[in-house]
Amino acid sequence: MIGFRQADPRYPFLCGDAAQPAARWHADGEGPAHYFADTPDGAWAELLRHEEIHDPADAATLRRALWAVELGDEPAKGVTLRPAVLTGGRDTYWACRAHARRLRARGARRLVAPSAALEPGGAAGREVVGALERTARPRDGRVFVIFGEPAGLVGWKAVEHGAPPAGLISRVRHFVR
């Protein structure tokens, strides 16, 4: 399986130690935790949401690397929280972290959850039919979280200094202001 993540091109694309800042599925000191989207749109949406970028002109100024990362075949444990918690703002992170802690205590090394950053149907790929390119059937985005050392996760830099696609901001589930 391939996952996607964006990163500052000046640094490694994965964190190698527990000194990683807290996020939705891990608290300070519980890393490393590696977050991947199932689509490039999802990876860019996570950045736009996290940085609270609402203006397409601001999004166009971003210069990030986009990585395609081989995640392997180890199954991921699905999370079982209410949709409002899974997609909520920072005030819901405590519940996600507690849930992840319980799953990790039972042996889970990988989690899969709905994307908090993409609106439903926000993962919009492209397809070719005949000689015409068109928007493919939209789907909901997913996020994979892999806990522990990044050994075995091989990445390919797909974009060196890129910005999110035009129009993606309208599909981002932004934090409530």
C-alpha atoms as a PDB file:
ATOM      1  CA  MET A   1       0.000   0.000   0.000  1.00  0.00           C
ATOM      2  CA  ILE A   2       1.181   3.535  -0.774  1.00  0.00           C
ATOM      3  CA  GLY A   3       0.526   6.461   1.561  1.00  0.00           C
ATOM      4  CA  PHE A   4       1.144  10.138   0.896  1.00  0.00           C
ATOM      5  CA  ARG A   5       2.571  12.853   3.091  1.00  0.00           C
ATOM      6  CA  GLN A   6       3.836  16.342   2.595  1.00  0.00           C
ATOM      7  CA  ALA A   7       6.884  17.616   4.446  1.00  0.00           C
ATOM      8  CA  ASP A   8       9.255  20.526   4.640  1.00  0.00           C
ATOM      9  CA  PRO A   9      11.772  19.682   1.889  1.00  0.00           C
ATOM     10  CA  ARG A  10      14.707  20.694   4.119  1.00  0.00           C
ATOM     11  CA  TYR A  11      14.137  17.804   6.545  1.00  0.00           C
ATOM     12  CA  PRO A  12      13.599  14.028   6.476  1.00  0.00           C
ATOM     13  CA  PHE A  13      10.061  13.022   5.554  1.00  0.00           C
ATOM     14  CA  LEU A  14       9.606  10.946   8.733  1.00  0.00           C
ATOM     15  CA  CYS A  15      10.426  11.526  12.396  1.00  0.00           C
ATOM     16  CA  GLY A  16      12.858   9.045  13.905  1.00  0.00           C
ATOM     17  CA  ASP A  17      12.389   9.612  17.637  1.00  0.00           C
ATOM     18  CA  ALA A  18       9.887  10.377  20.394  1.00  0.00           C
ATOM     19  CA  ALA A  19      10.659  14.134  20.339  1.00  0.00           C
ATOM     20  CA  GLN A  20       7.849  14.661  17.833  1.00  0.00           C
ATOM     21  CA  PRO A  21       5.199  17.279  18.613  1.00  0.00           C
ATOM     22  CA  ALA A  22       1.809  15.886  19.650  1.00  0.00           C
ATOM     23  CA  ALA A  23      -0.961  15.480  17.066  1.00  0.00           C
ATOM     24  CA  ARG A  24      -4.425  13.883  16.826  1.00  0.00           C
ATOM     25  CA  TRP A  25      -3.369  10.270  17.488  1.00  0.00           C
ATOM     26  CA  HIS A  26      -0.370  10.709  19.817  1.00  0.00           C
ATOM     27  CA  ALA A  27       0.636  12.966  22.717  1.00  0.00           C
ATOM     28  CA  ASP A  28       4.036  14.476  23.487  1.00  0.00           C
ATOM     29  CA  GLY A  29       6.531  11.683  24.182  1.00  0.00           C
ATOM     30  CA  GLU A  30       4.384   8.998  22.486  1.00  0.00           C
ATOM     31  CA  GLY A  31       6.089   9.195  19.114  1.00  0.00           C
ATOM     32  CA  PRO A  32       7.269   8.598  16.692  1.00  0.00           C
ATOM     33  CA  ALA A  33       3.904   8.428  14.976  1.00  0.00           C
ATOM     34  CA  HIS A  34       3.880   8.607  11.189  1.00  0.00           C
ATOM     35  CA  TYR A  35       0.771  10.020   9.514  1.00  0.00           C
ATOM     36  CA  PHE A  36      -0.129   9.208   5.901  1.00  0.00           C
ATOM     37  CA  ALA A  37      -3.095  10.051   3.717  1.00  0.00           C
ATOM     38  CA  ASP A  38      -4.474   7.586   1.201  1.00  0.00           C
ATOM     39  CA  THR A  39      -4.421  10.265  -1.524  1.00  0.00           C
ATOM     40  CA  PRO A  40      -2.242  13.273  -2.363  1.00  0.00           C
ATOM     41  CA  ASP A  41      -5.325  15.488  -1.840  1.00  0.00           C
ATOM     42  CA  GLY A  42      -5.570  14.182   1.708  1.00  0.00           C
ATOM     43  CA  ALA A  43      -1.911  14.933   2.437  1.00  0.00           C
ATOM     44  CA  TRP A  44      -2.280  18.508   1.160  1.00  0.00           C
ATOM     45  CA  ALA A  45      -5.594  18.952   3.018  1.00  0.00           C
ATOM     46  CA  GLU A  46      -3.917  17.987   6.301  1.00  0.00           C
ATOM     47  CA  LEU A  47      -1.396  20.803   5.760  1.00  0.00           C
ATOM     48  CA  LEU A  48      -4.056  23.372   4.854  1.00  0.00           C
ATOM     49  CA  ARG A  49      -6.150  22.466   7.896  1.00  0.00           C
ATOM     50  CA  HIS A  50      -3.232  22.348  10.329  1.00  0.00           C
ATOM     51  CA  GLU A  51      -1.861  25.696   9.131  1.00  0.00           C
ATOM     52  CA  GLU A  52      -5.395  27.173   9.007  1.00  0.00           C
ATOM     53  CA  ILE A  53      -4.974  28.301   5.411  1.00  0.00           C
ATOM     54  CA  HIS A  54      -8.299  29.423   3.937  1.00  0.00           C
ATOM     55  CA  ASP A  55      -7.170  31.657   1.077  1.00  0.00           C
ATOM     56  CA  PRO A  56      -6.220  29.992  -2.239  1.00  0.00           C
ATOM     57  CA  ALA A  57      -3.639  32.739  -2.814  1.00  0.00           C
ATOM     58  CA  ASP A  58      -1.901  31.741   0.442  1.00  0.00           C
ATOM     59  CA  ALA A  59      -2.018  28.045  -0.506  1.00  0.00           C
ATOM     60  CA  ALA A  60      -0.332  28.837  -3.826  1.00  0.00           C
ATOM     61  CA  THR A  61       2.712  30.239  -1.986  1.00  0.00           C
ATOM     62  CA  LEU A  62       3.437  26.976  -0.148  1.00  0.00           C
ATOM     63  CA  ARG A  63       6.536  25.022  -1.154  1.00  0.00           C
ATOM     64  CA  ARG A  64       6.464  21.538   0.333  1.00  0.00           C
ATOM     65  CA  ALA A  65       7.717  18.142  -0.752  1.00  0.00           C
ATOM     66  CA  LEU A  66       5.111  15.480  -1.471  1.00  0.00           C
ATOM     67  CA  TRP A  67       6.164  11.900  -0.744  1.00  0.00           C
ATOM     68  CA  ALA A  68       4.717   8.566  -1.854  1.00  0.00           C
ATOM     69  CA  VAL A  69       5.635   6.070   0.874  1.00  0.00           C
ATOM     70  CA  GLU A  70       5.459   2.285   0.721  1.00  0.00           C
ATOM     71  CA  LEU A  71       3.581   1.323   3.887  1.00  0.00           C
ATOM     72  CA  GLY A  72       3.796  -2.453   3.509  1.00  0.00           C
ATOM     73  CA  ASP A  73       0.998  -4.935   4.015  1.00  0.00           C
ATOM     74  CA  GLU A  74       0.635  -5.015   7.800  1.00  0.00           C
ATOM     75  CA  PRO A  75      -3.078  -4.484   8.537  1.00  0.00           C
ATOM     76  CA  ALA A  76      -4.235  -1.314  10.265  1.00  0.00           C
ATOM     77  CA  LYS A  77      -6.743  -1.331  13.121  1.00  0.00           C
ATOM     78  CA  GLY A  78      -9.838   0.735  12.402  1.00  0.00           C
ATOM     79  CA  VAL A  79     -10.771   3.290  15.026  1.00  0.00           C
ATOM     80  CA  THR A  80     -14.221   3.304  16.593  1.00  0.00           C
ATOM     81  CA  LEU A  81     -15.068   6.812  17.721  1.00  0.00           C
ATOM     82  CA  ARG A  82     -18.014   9.033  16.905  1.00  0.00           C
ATOM     83  CA  PRO A  83     -17.634  10.916  13.598  1.00  0.00           C
ATOM     84  CA  ALA A  84     -17.737  14.261  15.424  1.00  0.00           C
ATOM     85  CA  VAL A  85     -14.678  13.195  17.438  1.00  0.00           C
ATOM     86  CA  LEU A  86     -12.823  11.705  14.458  1.00  0.00           C
ATOM     87  CA  THR A  87     -13.199  14.886  12.428  1.00  0.00           C
ATOM     88  CA  GLY A  88     -13.407  17.488  15.189  1.00  0.00           C
ATOM     89  CA  GLY A  89     -11.036  20.245  16.131  1.00  0.00           C
ATOM     90  CA  ARG A  90      -8.123  20.238  18.525  1.00  0.00           C
ATOM     91  CA  ASP A  91     -10.531  19.949  21.448  1.00  0.00           C
ATOM     92  CA  THR A  92     -11.219  16.327  20.349  1.00  0.00           C
ATOM     93  CA  TYR A  93      -7.561  15.269  20.184  1.00  0.00           C
ATOM     94  CA  TRP A  94      -7.564  14.044  23.807  1.00  0.00           C
ATOM     95  CA  ALA A  95     -10.268  11.462  22.967  1.00  0.00           C
ATOM     96  CA  CYS A  96      -8.392  10.295  19.845  1.00  0.00           C
ATOM     97  CA  ARG A  97      -5.142  10.001  21.804  1.00  0.00           C
ATOM     98  CA  ALA A  98      -6.813   7.996  24.582  1.00  0.00           C
ATOM     99  CA  HIS A  99      -8.390   5.668  22.007  1.00  0.00           C
ATOM    100  CA  ALA A 100      -5.027   5.209  20.250  1.00  0.00           C
ATOM    101  CA  ARG A 101      -3.366   4.455  23.609  1.00  0.00           C
ATOM    102  CA  ARG A 102      -5.926   1.713  24.309  1.00  0.00           C
ATOM    103  CA  LEU A 103      -5.444   0.189  20.850  1.00  0.00           C
ATOM    104  CA  ARG A 104      -1.651   0.323  21.170  1.00  0.00           C
ATOM    105  CA  ALA A 105      -1.855  -1.357  24.606  1.00  0.00           C
ATOM    106  CA  ARG A 106      -3.663  -4.219  22.830  1.00  0.00           C
ATOM    107  CA  GLY A 107      -0.852  -4.524  20.286  1.00  0.00           C
ATOM    108  CA  ALA A 108      -1.966  -2.285  17.420  1.00  0.00           C
ATOM    109  CA  ARG A 109       0.964  -0.675  15.585  1.00  0.00           C
ATOM    110  CA  ARG A 110      -1.131   0.862  12.821  1.00  0.00           C
ATOM    111  CA  LEU A 111      -4.430   2.713  12.811  1.00  0.00           C
ATOM    112  CA  VAL A 112      -6.750   3.779  10.014  1.00  0.00           C
ATOM    113  CA  ALA A 113      -9.289   6.575  10.439  1.00  0.00           C
ATOM    114  CA  PRO A 114     -11.404   8.851   8.291  1.00  0.00           C
ATOM    115  CA  SER A 115      -9.557  11.980   7.221  1.00  0.00           C
ATOM    116  CA  ALA A 116     -10.347  14.861   9.545  1.00  0.00           C
ATOM    117  CA  ALA A 117      -9.014  17.298   6.961  1.00  0.00           C
ATOM    118  CA  LEU A 118     -11.121  16.333   3.946  1.00  0.00           C
ATOM    119  CA  GLU A 119     -14.821  16.906   3.635  1.00  0.00           C
ATOM    120  CA  PRO A 120     -16.836  13.774   2.735  1.00  0.00           C
ATOM    121  CA  GLY A 121     -16.115  12.951  -0.902  1.00  0.00           C
ATOM    122  CA  GLY A 122     -13.154  15.340  -0.816  1.00  0.00           C
ATOM    123  CA  ALA A 123     -10.629  12.898  -2.292  1.00  0.00           C
ATOM    124  CA  ALA A 124     -11.151  13.667  -5.963  1.00  0.00           C
ATOM    125  CA  GLY A 125      -8.883  11.914  -8.429  1.00  0.00           C
ATOM    126  CA  ARG A 126      -8.841  12.063 -12.209  1.00  0.00           C
ATOM    127  CA  GLU A 127      -9.496   9.368 -14.813  1.00  0.00           C
ATOM    128  CA  VAL A 128      -9.301   9.065 -18.579  1.00  0.00           C
ATOM    129  CA  VAL A 129     -12.314   7.816 -20.493  1.00  0.00           C
ATOM    130  CA  GLY A 130     -11.669   7.447 -24.200  1.00  0.00           C
ATOM    131  CA  ALA A 131      -9.492  10.443 -24.975  1.00  0.00           C
ATOM    132  CA  LEU A 132     -10.957  12.714 -22.298  1.00  0.00           C
ATOM    133  CA  GLU A 133      -9.764  13.364 -18.764  1.00  0.00           C
ATOM    134  CA  ARG A 134     -12.439  13.929 -16.136  1.00  0.00           C
ATOM    135  CA  THR A 135     -12.950  13.962 -12.395  1.00  0.00           C
ATOM    136  CA  ALA A 136     -13.213  10.418 -11.050  1.00  0.00           C
ATOM    137  CA  ARG A 137     -15.914   9.385  -8.619  1.00  0.00           C
ATOM    138  CA  PRO A 138     -15.148  11.222  -5.356  1.00  0.00           C
ATOM    139  CA  ARG A 139     -14.399   9.217  -2.255  1.00  0.00           C
ATOM    140  CA  ASP A 140     -13.851   9.842   1.414  1.00  0.00           C
ATOM    141  CA  GLY A 141     -10.242  10.240   2.495  1.00  0.00           C
ATOM    142  CA  ARG A 142      -8.505   8.057   5.059  1.00  0.00           C
ATOM    143  CA  VAL A 143      -5.475   8.536   7.274  1.00  0.00           C
ATOM    144  CA  PHE A 144      -3.060   5.804   8.334  1.00  0.00           C
ATOM    145  CA  VAL A 145      -0.957   6.206  11.476  1.00  0.00           C
ATOM    146  CA  ILE A 146       2.061   3.960  11.987  1.00  0.00           C
ATOM    147  CA  PHE A 147       3.655   3.995  15.447  1.00  0.00           C
ATOM    148  CA  GLY A 148       7.333   3.328  16.110  1.00  0.00           C
ATOM    149  CA  GLU A 149      10.610   3.515  14.259  1.00  0.00           C
ATOM    150  CA  PRO A 150      10.282   4.275  10.542  1.00  0.00           C
ATOM    151  CA  ALA A 151      12.463   1.289   9.522  1.00  0.00           C
ATOM    152  CA  GLY A 152      11.034  -0.336   6.406  1.00  0.00           C
ATOM    153  CA  LEU A 153       8.999   2.686   5.304  1.00  0.00           C
ATOM    154  CA  VAL A 154      10.459   3.607   1.919  1.00  0.00           C
ATOM    155  CA  GLY A 155       9.558   6.963   0.411  1.00  0.00           C
ATOM    156  CA  TRP A 156       9.786   8.439  -3.055  1.00  0.00           C
ATOM    157  CA  LYS A 157       9.767  12.195  -3.427  1.00  0.00           C
ATOM    158  CA  ALA A 158       7.074  12.883  -6.011  1.00  0.00           C
ATOM    159  CA  VAL A 159       7.292  16.680  -5.740  1.00  0.00           C
ATOM    160  CA  GLU A 160      10.297  18.679  -4.544  1.00  0.00           C
ATOM    161  CA  HIS A 161       8.742  22.123  -3.959  1.00  0.00           C
ATOM    162  CA  GLY A 162       5.012  22.018  -4.611  1.00  0.00           C
ATOM    163  CA  ALA A 163       1.760  23.570  -3.519  1.00  0.00           C
ATOM    164  CA  PRO A 164      -1.699  22.070  -3.037  1.00  0.00           C
ATOM    165  CA  PRO A 165      -3.828  21.806  -6.168  1.00  0.00           C
ATOM    166  CA  ALA A 166      -6.030  24.763  -7.008  1.00  0.00           C
ATOM    167  CA  GLY A 167      -9.555  24.180  -5.766  1.00  0.00           C
ATOM    168  CA  LEU A 168      -8.611  21.850  -2.906  1.00  0.00           C
ATOM    169  CA  ILE A 169      -9.369  24.460  -0.216  1.00  0.00           C
ATOM    170  CA  SER A 170     -13.088  24.114  -0.942  1.00  0.00           C
ATOM    171  CA  ARG A 171     -12.869  20.409   0.046  1.00  0.00           C
ATOM    172  CA  VAL A 172     -10.956  20.976   3.306  1.00  0.00           C
ATOM    173  CA  ARG A 173     -12.750  20.552   6.638  1.00  0.00           C
ATOM    174  CA  HIS A 174     -11.218  23.560   8.384  1.00  0.00           C
ATOM    175  CA  PHE A 175     -11.039  24.091  12.109  1.00  0.00           C
ATOM    176  CA  VAL A 176     -14.014  26.084  13.351  1.00  0.00           C
ATOM    177  CA  ARG A 177     -13.007  29.687  13.891  1.00  0.00           C
END
